C-alpha atoms as a PDB file:
ATOM      1  CA  MET A   1     -15.560 -71.014 -54.464  1.00  0.00           C
ATOM      2  CA  LEU A   2     -15.320 -72.479 -57.939  1.00  0.00           C
ATOM      3  CA  ASN A   3     -14.893 -69.210 -59.839  1.00  0.00           C
ATOM      4  CA  ASN A   4     -11.098 -69.104 -59.527  1.00  0.00           C
ATOM      5  CA  LEU A   5     -10.470 -72.587 -60.899  1.00  0.00           C
ATOM      6  CA  ARG A   6      -9.421 -72.490 -64.528  1.00  0.00           C
ATOM      7  CA  ASP A   7     -10.166 -76.197 -64.887  1.00  0.00           C
ATOM      8  CA  LEU A   8     -13.635 -75.973 -63.356  1.00  0.00           C
ATOM      9  CA  LYS A   9     -15.336 -73.806 -65.965  1.00  0.00           C
ATOM     10  CA  SER A  10     -18.889 -74.687 -65.083  1.00  0.00           C
ATOM     11  CA  LEU A  11     -20.802 -76.803 -62.646  1.00  0.00           C
ATOM     12  CA  SER A  12     -21.971 -78.956 -65.540  1.00  0.00           C
ATOM     13  CA  ASN A  13     -18.380 -80.153 -65.960  1.00  0.00           C
ATOM     14  CA  ILE A  14     -18.245 -81.557 -62.445  1.00  0.00           C
ATOM     15  CA  THR A  15     -21.773 -82.945 -62.157  1.00  0.00           C
ATOM     16  CA  PRO A  16     -20.679 -86.483 -63.140  1.00  0.00           C
ATOM     17  CA  PHE A  17     -17.959 -86.352 -60.481  1.00  0.00           C
ATOM     18  CA  ILE A  18     -20.424 -85.150 -57.852  1.00  0.00           C
ATOM     19  CA  ASN A  19     -22.880 -87.914 -58.715  1.00  0.00           C
ATOM     20  CA  ASN A  20     -20.088 -90.471 -58.427  1.00  0.00           C
ATOM     21  CA  TYR A  21     -18.618 -89.148 -55.170  1.00  0.00           C
ATOM     22  CA  SER A  22     -21.718 -88.279 -53.155  1.00  0.00           C
ATOM     23  CA  GLY A  23     -22.146 -90.588 -50.180  1.00  0.00           C
ATOM     24  CA  LYS A  24     -18.632 -91.994 -50.432  1.00  0.00           C
ATOM     25  CA  ILE A  25     -15.890 -91.686 -47.816  1.00  0.00           C
ATOM     26  CA  PHE A  26     -12.718 -89.732 -48.572  1.00  0.00           C
ATOM     27  CA  VAL A  27      -9.831 -89.772 -46.105  1.00  0.00           C
ATOM     28  CA  VAL A  28      -7.709 -86.653 -46.550  1.00  0.00           C
ATOM     29  CA  LYS A  29      -4.322 -86.270 -44.879  1.00  0.00           C
ATOM     30  CA  TYR A  30      -3.168 -82.672 -44.464  1.00  0.00           C
ATOM     31  CA  GLY A  31       0.483 -81.988 -43.742  1.00  0.00           C
ATOM     32  CA  GLY A  32       3.717 -80.356 -44.761  1.00  0.00           C
ATOM     33  CA  SER A  33       4.929 -76.768 -44.704  1.00  0.00           C
ATOM     34  CA  VAL A  34       1.794 -75.689 -46.570  1.00  0.00           C
ATOM     35  CA  MET A  35       0.062 -75.853 -43.176  1.00  0.00           C
ATOM     36  CA  LYS A  36       1.962 -72.706 -42.149  1.00  0.00           C
ATOM     37  CA  ASN A  37       0.585 -70.652 -45.035  1.00  0.00           C
ATOM     38  CA  GLU A  38      -2.532 -69.070 -43.543  1.00  0.00           C
ATOM     39  CA  LYS A  39      -4.065 -68.125 -46.895  1.00  0.00           C
ATOM     40  CA  LEU A  40      -3.635 -71.617 -48.329  1.00  0.00           C
ATOM     41  CA  GLN A  41      -4.869 -73.187 -45.106  1.00  0.00           C
ATOM     42  CA  ILE A  42      -8.096 -71.214 -45.211  1.00  0.00           C
ATOM     43  CA  GLN A  43      -8.550 -72.116 -48.884  1.00  0.00           C
ATOM     44  CA  PHE A  44      -7.966 -75.774 -48.074  1.00  0.00           C
ATOM     45  CA  ILE A  45     -10.605 -75.665 -45.343  1.00  0.00           C
ATOM     46  CA  LYS A  46     -13.046 -74.083 -47.816  1.00  0.00           C
ATOM     47  CA  ASP A  47     -12.375 -76.894 -50.272  1.00  0.00           C
ATOM     48  CA  ILE A  48     -12.972 -79.501 -47.567  1.00  0.00           C
ATOM     49  CA  TYR A  49     -16.254 -77.750 -46.796  1.00  0.00           C
ATOM     50  CA  PHE A  50     -17.190 -77.961 -50.490  1.00  0.00           C
ATOM     51  CA  LEU A  51     -16.579 -81.726 -50.484  1.00  0.00           C
ATOM     52  CA  SER A  52     -18.743 -82.096 -47.405  1.00  0.00           C
ATOM     53  CA  SER A  53     -21.484 -79.908 -48.863  1.00  0.00           C
ATOM     54  CA  ILE A  54     -21.939 -82.165 -51.908  1.00  0.00           C
ATOM     55  CA  GLY A  55     -22.411 -85.252 -49.761  1.00  0.00           C
ATOM     56  CA  ILE A  56     -18.868 -86.639 -49.470  1.00  0.00           C
ATOM     57  CA  LYS A  57     -18.090 -88.055 -46.035  1.00  0.00           C
ATOM     58  CA  VAL A  58     -14.718 -86.507 -45.244  1.00  0.00           C
ATOM     59  CA  VAL A  59     -12.319 -87.726 -42.581  1.00  0.00           C
ATOM     60  CA  LEU A  60      -9.424 -85.305 -42.144  1.00  0.00           C
ATOM     61  CA  VAL A  61      -6.163 -86.615 -40.663  1.00  0.00           C
ATOM     62  CA  HIS A  62      -3.393 -84.136 -39.995  1.00  0.00           C
ATOM     63  CA  GLY A  63       0.271 -84.011 -39.216  1.00  0.00           C
ATOM     64  CA  GLY A  64       2.043 -80.888 -38.088  1.00  0.00           C
ATOM     65  CA  GLY A  65       5.740 -81.411 -38.660  1.00  0.00           C
ATOM     66  CA  PRO A  66       6.646 -77.751 -39.281  1.00  0.00           C
ATOM     67  CA  PHE A  67       4.975 -76.668 -36.032  1.00  0.00           C
ATOM     68  CA  ILE A  68       6.666 -79.487 -34.126  1.00  0.00           C
ATOM     69  CA  ASN A  69      10.026 -78.446 -35.559  1.00  0.00           C
ATOM     70  CA  ASP A  70       9.404 -74.836 -34.508  1.00  0.00           C
ATOM     71  CA  TRP A  71       8.874 -75.894 -30.900  1.00  0.00           C
ATOM     72  CA  LEU A  72      11.804 -78.291 -30.920  1.00  0.00           C
ATOM     73  CA  ASN A  73      14.053 -75.497 -32.188  1.00  0.00           C
ATOM     74  CA  LYS A  74      12.778 -73.168 -29.474  1.00  0.00           C
ATOM     75  CA  LEU A  75      13.777 -75.791 -26.917  1.00  0.00           C
ATOM     76  CA  SER A  76      17.120 -76.527 -28.647  1.00  0.00           C
ATOM     77  CA  ILE A  77      16.072 -80.087 -29.513  1.00  0.00           C
ATOM     78  CA  GLU A  78      17.317 -81.207 -32.927  1.00  0.00           C
ATOM     79  CA  PRO A  79      14.618 -82.827 -35.125  1.00  0.00           C
ATOM     80  CA  LYS A  80      15.731 -86.253 -36.379  1.00  0.00           C
ATOM     81  CA  PHE A  81      14.338 -88.365 -39.217  1.00  0.00           C
ATOM     82  CA  GLU A  82      14.948 -91.831 -40.657  1.00  0.00           C
ATOM     83  CA  ASN A  83      13.478 -92.772 -44.055  1.00  0.00           C
ATOM     84  CA  GLY A  84      11.077 -89.863 -43.799  1.00  0.00           C
ATOM     85  CA  ILE A  85       9.785 -90.841 -40.337  1.00  0.00           C
ATOM     86  CA  ARG A  86      10.405 -88.652 -37.303  1.00  0.00           C
ATOM     87  CA  ILE A  87      12.534 -90.194 -34.561  1.00  0.00           C
ATOM     88  CA  THR A  88      10.660 -89.431 -31.345  1.00  0.00           C
ATOM     89  CA  ASP A  89      12.391 -89.601 -27.960  1.00  0.00           C
ATOM     90  CA  PHE A  90      10.633 -88.940 -24.650  1.00  0.00           C
ATOM     91  CA  GLU A  91      11.028 -85.142 -24.709  1.00  0.00           C
ATOM     92  CA  THR A  92      10.070 -84.930 -28.385  1.00  0.00           C
ATOM     93  CA  MET A  93       6.975 -87.032 -27.743  1.00  0.00           C
ATOM     94  CA  LYS A  94       5.713 -84.510 -25.211  1.00  0.00           C
ATOM     95  CA  ILE A  95       6.151 -81.731 -27.777  1.00  0.00           C
ATOM     96  CA  VAL A  96       4.485 -83.763 -30.530  1.00  0.00           C
ATOM     97  CA  GLU A  97       1.439 -84.431 -28.382  1.00  0.00           C
ATOM     98  CA  MET A  98       1.165 -80.818 -27.238  1.00  0.00           C
ATOM     99  CA  VAL A  99       1.466 -79.410 -30.751  1.00  0.00           C
ATOM    100  CA  LEU A 100      -0.671 -81.894 -32.697  1.00  0.00           C
ATOM    101  CA  ILE A 101      -3.525 -82.263 -30.224  1.00  0.00           C
ATOM    102  CA  GLY A 102      -3.434 -78.937 -28.407  1.00  0.00           C
ATOM    103  CA  GLN A 103      -2.510 -76.553 -31.211  1.00  0.00           C
ATOM    104  CA  VAL A 104      -2.929 -77.880 -34.744  1.00  0.00           C
ATOM    105  CA  ASN A 105      -6.031 -79.984 -34.190  1.00  0.00           C
ATOM    106  CA  LYS A 106      -8.009 -77.271 -32.435  1.00  0.00           C
ATOM    107  CA  THR A 107      -6.968 -74.640 -34.981  1.00  0.00           C
ATOM    108  CA  LEU A 108      -8.290 -76.781 -37.831  1.00  0.00           C
ATOM    109  CA  VAL A 109     -11.510 -77.546 -35.953  1.00  0.00           C
ATOM    110  CA  SER A 110     -12.089 -73.860 -35.254  1.00  0.00           C
ATOM    111  CA  LEU A 111     -11.523 -72.932 -38.907  1.00  0.00           C
ATOM    112  CA  MET A 112     -13.772 -75.744 -40.130  1.00  0.00           C
ATOM    113  CA  ASN A 113     -16.554 -74.713 -37.778  1.00  0.00           C
ATOM    114  CA  THR A 114     -16.678 -71.224 -39.296  1.00  0.00           C
ATOM    115  CA  PHE A 115     -18.648 -73.026 -42.012  1.00  0.00           C
ATOM    116  CA  PRO A 116     -21.956 -74.859 -41.474  1.00  0.00           C
ATOM    117  CA  VAL A 117     -20.135 -78.105 -40.661  1.00  0.00           C
ATOM    118  CA  ASN A 118     -20.057 -80.082 -37.427  1.00  0.00           C
ATOM    119  CA  ALA A 119     -16.301 -80.618 -37.198  1.00  0.00           C
ATOM    120  CA  ILE A 120     -15.031 -82.497 -34.175  1.00  0.00           C
ATOM    121  CA  GLY A 121     -11.396 -82.817 -33.152  1.00  0.00           C
ATOM    122  CA  ILE A 122     -10.041 -86.085 -31.799  1.00  0.00           C
ATOM    123  CA  SER A 123      -6.820 -88.062 -31.705  1.00  0.00           C
ATOM    124  CA  GLY A 124      -6.099 -91.745 -31.989  1.00  0.00           C
ATOM    125  CA  LYS A 125      -6.423 -91.909 -28.199  1.00  0.00           C
ATOM    126  CA  ASP A 126     -10.106 -90.991 -28.098  1.00  0.00           C
ATOM    127  CA  ALA A 127     -12.442 -93.967 -27.686  1.00  0.00           C
ATOM    128  CA  ASN A 128      -9.388 -96.142 -28.427  1.00  0.00           C
ATOM    129  CA  LEU A 129      -9.730 -95.148 -32.057  1.00  0.00           C
ATOM    130  CA  VAL A 130      -6.215 -96.447 -32.626  1.00  0.00           C
ATOM    131  CA  VAL A 131      -4.300 -98.615 -30.172  1.00  0.00           C
ATOM    132  CA  ALA A 132      -0.595 -98.400 -30.901  1.00  0.00           C
ATOM    133  CA  SER A 133       2.675-100.070 -30.016  1.00  0.00           C
ATOM    134  CA  LYS A 134       6.283 -99.123 -30.666  1.00  0.00           C
ATOM    135  CA  LEU A 135       7.506 -99.370 -34.232  1.00  0.00           C
ATOM    136  CA  PHE A 136      11.194 -99.712 -33.394  1.00  0.00           C
ATOM    137  CA  ASP A 137      12.899-102.058 -30.947  1.00  0.00           C
ATOM    138  CA  SER A 138      13.993 -99.277 -28.618  1.00  0.00           C
ATOM    139  CA  SER A 139      12.747 -98.147 -25.245  1.00  0.00           C
ATOM    140  CA  HIS A 140      13.681 -94.548 -26.106  1.00  0.00           C
ATOM    141  CA  ASN A 141      11.847 -94.130 -29.430  1.00  0.00           C
ATOM    142  CA  PHE A 142       8.140 -93.414 -29.252  1.00  0.00           C
ATOM    143  CA  VAL A 143       7.328 -93.759 -32.934  1.00  0.00           C
ATOM    144  CA  GLY A 144       4.311 -96.021 -33.068  1.00  0.00           C
ATOM    145  CA  LYS A 145       2.544 -98.454 -35.337  1.00  0.00           C
ATOM    146  CA  VAL A 146      -1.158 -99.243 -35.452  1.00  0.00           C
ATOM    147  CA  ASP A 147      -2.197-102.439 -33.652  1.00  0.00           C
ATOM    148  CA  SER A 148      -5.972-102.090 -33.734  1.00  0.00           C
ATOM    149  CA  VAL A 149      -8.678 -99.667 -34.830  1.00  0.00           C
ATOM    150  CA  ASN A 150     -12.052 -98.950 -33.241  1.00  0.00           C
ATOM    151  CA  ILE A 151     -13.750 -97.921 -36.452  1.00  0.00           C
ATOM    152  CA  ASN A 152     -17.154 -97.762 -34.728  1.00  0.00           C
ATOM    153  CA  ILE A 153     -16.435 -94.296 -33.378  1.00  0.00           C
ATOM    154  CA  LEU A 154     -15.727 -92.897 -36.845  1.00  0.00           C
ATOM    155  CA  ASN A 155     -18.762 -94.588 -38.368  1.00  0.00           C
ATOM    156  CA  LEU A 156     -20.875 -93.147 -35.548  1.00  0.00           C
ATOM    157  CA  LEU A 157     -19.580 -89.643 -36.243  1.00  0.00           C
ATOM    158  CA  LEU A 158     -19.966 -89.916 -40.018  1.00  0.00           C
ATOM    159  CA  ASP A 159     -23.452 -91.402 -39.787  1.00  0.00           C
ATOM    160  CA  ASN A 160     -24.479 -88.416 -37.664  1.00  0.00           C
ATOM    161  CA  HIS A 161     -22.999 -85.889 -40.111  1.00  0.00           C
ATOM    162  CA  TYR A 162     -19.885 -84.955 -38.155  1.00  0.00           C
ATOM    163  CA  LEU A 163     -16.588 -84.244 -39.862  1.00  0.00           C
ATOM    164  CA  PRO A 164     -13.793 -85.865 -37.821  1.00  0.00           C
ATOM    165  CA  ILE A 165     -10.447 -84.063 -37.694  1.00  0.00           C
ATOM    166  CA  ILE A 166      -7.859 -86.445 -36.294  1.00  0.00           C
ATOM    167  CA  ALA A 167      -4.387 -85.931 -34.838  1.00  0.00           C
ATOM    168  CA  SER A 168      -2.120 -88.908 -35.497  1.00  0.00           C
ATOM    169  CA  VAL A 169      -1.173 -89.489 -31.850  1.00  0.00           C
ATOM    170  CA  SER A 170      -2.214 -92.688 -30.094  1.00  0.00           C
ATOM    171  CA  SER A 171      -1.391 -94.720 -27.010  1.00  0.00           C
ATOM    172  CA  ASP A 172      -0.742 -98.354 -26.243  1.00  0.00           C
ATOM    173  CA  ILE A 173      -2.711-100.603 -23.881  1.00  0.00           C
ATOM    174  CA  TYR A 174      -0.701 -99.213 -20.962  1.00  0.00           C
ATOM    175  CA  GLY A 175      -1.371 -95.552 -21.812  1.00  0.00           C
ATOM    176  CA  GLN A 176       2.055 -94.749 -23.295  1.00  0.00           C
ATOM    177  CA  SER A 177       1.771 -92.131 -26.040  1.00  0.00           C
ATOM    178  CA  TYR A 178       3.119 -92.748 -29.538  1.00  0.00           C
ATOM    179  CA  ASN A 179       3.655 -90.568 -32.571  1.00  0.00           C
ATOM    180  CA  ILE A 180       2.355 -92.307 -35.702  1.00  0.00           C
ATOM    181  CA  ASN A 181       3.275 -91.165 -39.188  1.00  0.00           C
ATOM    182  CA  ALA A 182       0.189 -89.305 -40.408  1.00  0.00           C
ATOM    183  CA  ASP A 183       0.354 -90.810 -43.915  1.00  0.00           C
ATOM    184  CA  THR A 184       0.342 -94.305 -42.448  1.00  0.00           C
ATOM    185  CA  PHE A 185      -2.378 -93.365 -39.966  1.00  0.00           C
ATOM    186  CA  ALA A 186      -4.640 -92.004 -42.731  1.00  0.00           C
ATOM    187  CA  SER A 187      -4.000 -95.006 -44.954  1.00  0.00           C
ATOM    188  CA  ILE A 188      -5.019 -97.499 -42.281  1.00  0.00           C
ATOM    189  CA  LEU A 189      -8.173 -95.554 -41.458  1.00  0.00           C
ATOM    190  CA  SER A 190      -9.094 -95.434 -45.159  1.00  0.00           C
ATOM    191  CA  VAL A 191      -8.921 -99.229 -45.314  1.00  0.00           C
ATOM    192  CA  TYR A 192     -10.984 -99.771 -42.161  1.00  0.00           C
ATOM    193  CA  LEU A 193     -13.578 -97.256 -43.350  1.00  0.00           C
ATOM    194  CA  GLY A 194     -13.835 -98.789 -46.813  1.00  0.00           C
ATOM    195  CA  ALA A 195     -13.024 -95.369 -48.230  1.00  0.00           C
ATOM    196  CA  ASN A 196     -13.260 -94.595 -51.913  1.00  0.00           C
ATOM    197  CA  LYS A 197     -10.199 -92.349 -51.863  1.00  0.00           C
ATOM    198  CA  LEU A 198      -7.128 -91.585 -49.798  1.00  0.00           C
ATOM    199  CA  ILE A 199      -5.672 -88.147 -50.544  1.00  0.00           C
ATOM    200  CA  LEU A 200      -2.306 -87.030 -49.169  1.00  0.00           C
ATOM    201  CA  VAL A 201      -1.881 -83.254 -49.261  1.00  0.00           C
ATOM    202  CA  THR A 202       1.800 -82.403 -48.974  1.00  0.00           C
ATOM    203  CA  ASP A 203       4.573 -80.099 -50.255  1.00  0.00           C
ATOM    204  CA  THR A 204       5.369 -81.887 -53.483  1.00  0.00           C
ATOM    205  CA  ASP A 205       3.498 -82.299 -56.762  1.00  0.00           C
ATOM    206  CA  GLY A 206       3.604 -86.073 -56.415  1.00  0.00           C
ATOM    207  CA  VAL A 207       6.014 -88.711 -57.663  1.00  0.00           C
ATOM    208  CA  MET A 208       8.483 -87.239 -60.147  1.00  0.00           C
ATOM    209  CA  LEU A 209      11.225 -88.874 -62.191  1.00  0.00           C
ATOM    210  CA  ASP A 210      13.338 -85.816 -61.372  1.00  0.00           C
ATOM    211  CA  ILE A 211      12.422 -84.106 -58.093  1.00  0.00           C
ATOM    212  CA  SER A 212      13.807 -80.817 -59.383  1.00  0.00           C
ATOM    213  CA  ASP A 213      11.602 -80.864 -62.510  1.00  0.00           C
ATOM    214  CA  SER A 214       7.837 -80.736 -62.019  1.00  0.00           C
ATOM    215  CA  THR A 215       7.284 -81.604 -65.691  1.00  0.00           C
ATOM    216  CA  THR A 216       8.448 -85.152 -64.878  1.00  0.00           C
ATOM    217  CA  LEU A 217       5.418 -85.733 -62.645  1.00  0.00           C
ATOM    218  CA  ILE A 218       3.957 -89.226 -63.035  1.00  0.00           C
ATOM    219  CA  SER A 219       0.205 -88.694 -62.996  1.00  0.00           C
ATOM    220  CA  HIS A 220      -0.814 -92.363 -62.730  1.00  0.00           C
ATOM    221  CA  LEU A 221       1.062 -95.095 -60.914  1.00  0.00           C
ATOM    222  CA  THR A 222       0.282 -98.765 -60.402  1.00  0.00           C
ATOM    223  CA  CYS A 223       1.737-100.845 -57.600  1.00  0.00           C
ATOM    224  CA  PRO A 224       4.143-102.766 -59.908  1.00  0.00           C
ATOM    225  CA  LYS A 225       5.383 -99.457 -61.342  1.00  0.00           C
ATOM    226  CA  ILE A 226       5.997 -98.148 -57.826  1.00  0.00           C
ATOM    227  CA  SER A 227       8.048-101.219 -56.927  1.00  0.00           C
ATOM    228  CA  LYS A 228      10.299-100.579 -59.921  1.00  0.00           C
ATOM    229  CA  LEU A 229      10.702 -96.882 -59.102  1.00  0.00           C
ATOM    230  CA  LYS A 230      11.722 -97.768 -55.548  1.00  0.00           C
ATOM    231  CA  ARG A 231      14.293-100.265 -56.817  1.00  0.00           C
ATOM    232  CA  ASP A 232      15.648 -97.571 -59.135  1.00  0.00           C
ATOM    233  CA  ASN A 233      15.819 -95.128 -56.189  1.00  0.00           C
ATOM    234  CA  VAL A 234      13.458 -92.705 -57.924  1.00  0.00           C
ATOM    235  CA  ILE A 235      11.131 -92.994 -54.932  1.00  0.00           C
ATOM    236  CA  CYS A 236      13.241 -92.374 -51.847  1.00  0.00           C
ATOM    237  CA  GLY A 237      13.478 -90.422 -48.600  1.00  0.00           C
ATOM    238  CA  GLY A 238      10.311 -88.766 -47.362  1.00  0.00           C
ATOM    239  CA  MET A 239       8.333 -89.956 -50.383  1.00  0.00           C
ATOM    240  CA  ILE A 240       8.676 -93.591 -49.258  1.00  0.00           C
ATOM    241  CA  PRO A 241       6.095 -93.539 -46.405  1.00  0.00           C
ATOM    242  CA  LYS A 242       3.684 -91.573 -48.598  1.00  0.00           C
ATOM    243  CA  VAL A 243       3.871 -93.991 -51.502  1.00  0.00           C
ATOM    244  CA  ASP A 244       3.822 -97.019 -49.190  1.00  0.00           C
ATOM    245  CA  SER A 245       0.684 -95.633 -47.566  1.00  0.00           C
ATOM    246  CA  CYS A 246      -0.958 -95.319 -50.974  1.00  0.00           C
ATOM    247  CA  VAL A 247       0.025 -98.847 -51.966  1.00  0.00           C
ATOM    248  CA  ASP A 248      -1.257-100.283 -48.685  1.00  0.00           C
ATOM    249  CA  ALA A 249      -4.571 -98.481 -49.159  1.00  0.00           C
ATOM    250  CA  VAL A 250      -5.297 -99.537 -52.747  1.00  0.00           C
ATOM    251  CA  SER A 251      -4.047-103.080 -52.047  1.00  0.00           C
ATOM    252  CA  ASN A 252      -6.723-103.357 -49.363  1.00  0.00           C
ATOM    253  CA  GLY A 253      -9.787-102.090 -51.156  1.00  0.00           C
ATOM    254  CA  VAL A 254      -9.464 -98.314 -51.438  1.00  0.00           C
ATOM    255  CA  PHE A 255     -10.309 -97.392 -55.043  1.00  0.00           C
ATOM    256  CA  SER A 256      -7.510 -94.856 -55.530  1.00  0.00           C
ATOM    257  CA  ALA A 257      -4.923 -92.905 -53.571  1.00  0.00           C
ATOM    258  CA  HIS A 258      -3.566 -89.488 -54.499  1.00  0.00           C
ATOM    259  CA  ILE A 259      -0.517 -87.392 -53.616  1.00  0.00           C
ATOM    260  CA  ILE A 260      -1.039 -83.690 -54.321  1.00  0.00           C
ATOM    261  CA  ASN A 261       0.717 -80.399 -53.694  1.00  0.00           C
ATOM    262  CA  GLY A 262      -1.107 -78.228 -51.189  1.00  0.00           C
ATOM    263  CA  ASN A 263       0.828 -75.191 -52.419  1.00  0.00           C
ATOM    264  CA  ILE A 264      -1.208 -75.263 -55.626  1.00  0.00           C
ATOM    265  CA  ASN A 265      -4.374 -73.233 -55.179  1.00  0.00           C
ATOM    266  CA  HIS A 266      -7.418 -75.549 -55.075  1.00  0.00           C
ATOM    267  CA  SER A 267      -5.231 -78.598 -55.773  1.00  0.00           C
ATOM    268  CA  LEU A 268      -7.706 -80.801 -53.912  1.00  0.00           C
ATOM    269  CA  LEU A 269     -10.586 -79.824 -56.192  1.00  0.00           C
ATOM    270  CA  ILE A 270      -8.489 -79.904 -59.352  1.00  0.00           C
ATOM    271  CA  GLU A 271      -7.343 -83.439 -58.543  1.00  0.00           C
ATOM    272  CA  LEU A 272     -10.857 -84.654 -57.807  1.00  0.00           C
ATOM    273  CA  PHE A 273     -12.990 -82.782 -60.338  1.00  0.00           C
ATOM    274  CA  THR A 274     -10.905 -82.538 -63.507  1.00  0.00           C
ATOM    275  CA  ASP A 275      -9.770 -85.237 -65.902  1.00  0.00           C
ATOM    276  CA  LYS A 276      -6.170 -84.090 -66.174  1.00  0.00           C
ATOM    277  CA  ARG A 277      -5.792 -83.665 -62.380  1.00  0.00           C
ATOM    278  CA  CYS A 278      -2.618 -82.167 -60.821  1.00  0.00           C
ATOM    279  CA  GLY A 279      -0.949 -84.882 -58.724  1.00  0.00           C
ATOM    280  CA  SER A 280      -0.019 -88.548 -58.716  1.00  0.00           C
ATOM    281  CA  MET A 281      -2.816 -91.125 -58.543  1.00  0.00           C
ATOM    282  CA  VAL A 282      -2.087 -94.654 -57.348  1.00  0.00           C
ATOM    283  CA  THR A 283      -4.250 -97.627 -58.280  1.00  0.00           C
ATOM    284  CA  ILE A 284      -3.798-101.335 -57.910  1.00  0.00           C
END
């Protein structure tokens, strides 16, 4: 697994990282169009298995936007977004739930279980893991926010060596389903779990001064620096919920948060086990 990584030349190079990470909780959010690349998806699952095999307690949260969009297009429903967050009406909510829980979640669980790992697929609905309510003041928009978390179920699974794979769909106290932004969902779970790291795997290299020039990647960001970049409109659009999720996590006890490009082969391992990394790291 490590042979193809130019930055991981020998196991001796990563031993200090392994010693530091073993026993800690990492919350990894997997999303973006990279999910549709079968080769990269399998490689990502292998890398998650590697993390688990060295003693890291991994919680995998997933989105599935590209798959949702495919189904919406098939049904002639136009996908709509506002500040990077999907606008979810009643018909869209049914598609979101079907795709995330019924398709994407079970595909990831099946792939993960081809390795000697006890992966288990759940959503925010299971055991009231996340109780939600509507984010917007509209009776026709089923985008949700997190009201409460039953972290006991995740601790139970992790303590018994299960690897939870979680779809970011939840319901309110009345049973109404809500679509929750997966970055936000993962960030909140990382705080409740006391995770060491939050890692957002997406389609972009991270935060860049110029989104068309990967050489302008900012490898290390602090919360004050992020505030300035947002004021300057460098951080905008779909990057806003990702960066906000990172800031929320590190502001509430998570050691570091990372945004990495899943299109880069082994980006997860390069970010975690090399000094120069490959994405944007956020700290307090």
